[in-house]
Amino acid sequence: VSTLSLSHGLRKWADWVVVGEEAVAAPYDADQVLVFRWGSKQVLGVDVSYISSGPSKWVGAAALTDTAYFAPSHSASILAYRDGGVSALDAPAVATHMGGGAWAGLVALEGKLYAVPSTADSILVVTP
């Protein structure tokens, strides 16, 4: 299933997770969340450029109930995807590590999100 209509180049997306009937991928260098609806084999993108732009934005994906979350790499927020839309989830620790590839993976456990540190010095813990 081609994604060429959404983004070109290397390192477009980094990790994905299933939410409902969709698989959604973290926009790394791409400016859109990749949404794959496997039943219809439909591929679409949801713009994130108004939240964060540039390379290495988000990496790592996890789902809680009906929302997908993406860990910040060089972005100033956690990205949330739900029902075809995106929003920024701010966390104080993110602002202090912005721009340095701070976190590199994400898991959801007991209603919280945990991002593994890459250049950050601690695990990021967020309750959405």
Foldseek 3Di string as FASTA:
>chain_A
DDPVVFDDDPPQFADWDDADQWIWTHGAQTQFIWIARPVVRDIDTEGDVVQPHGGGAFHAWEDDHRKIWTHGQQGQFIWIDHPRHIDGDHDVVSNVVHGHGFFHYWYDDPQWIWTHGDPHDDIDIGRD
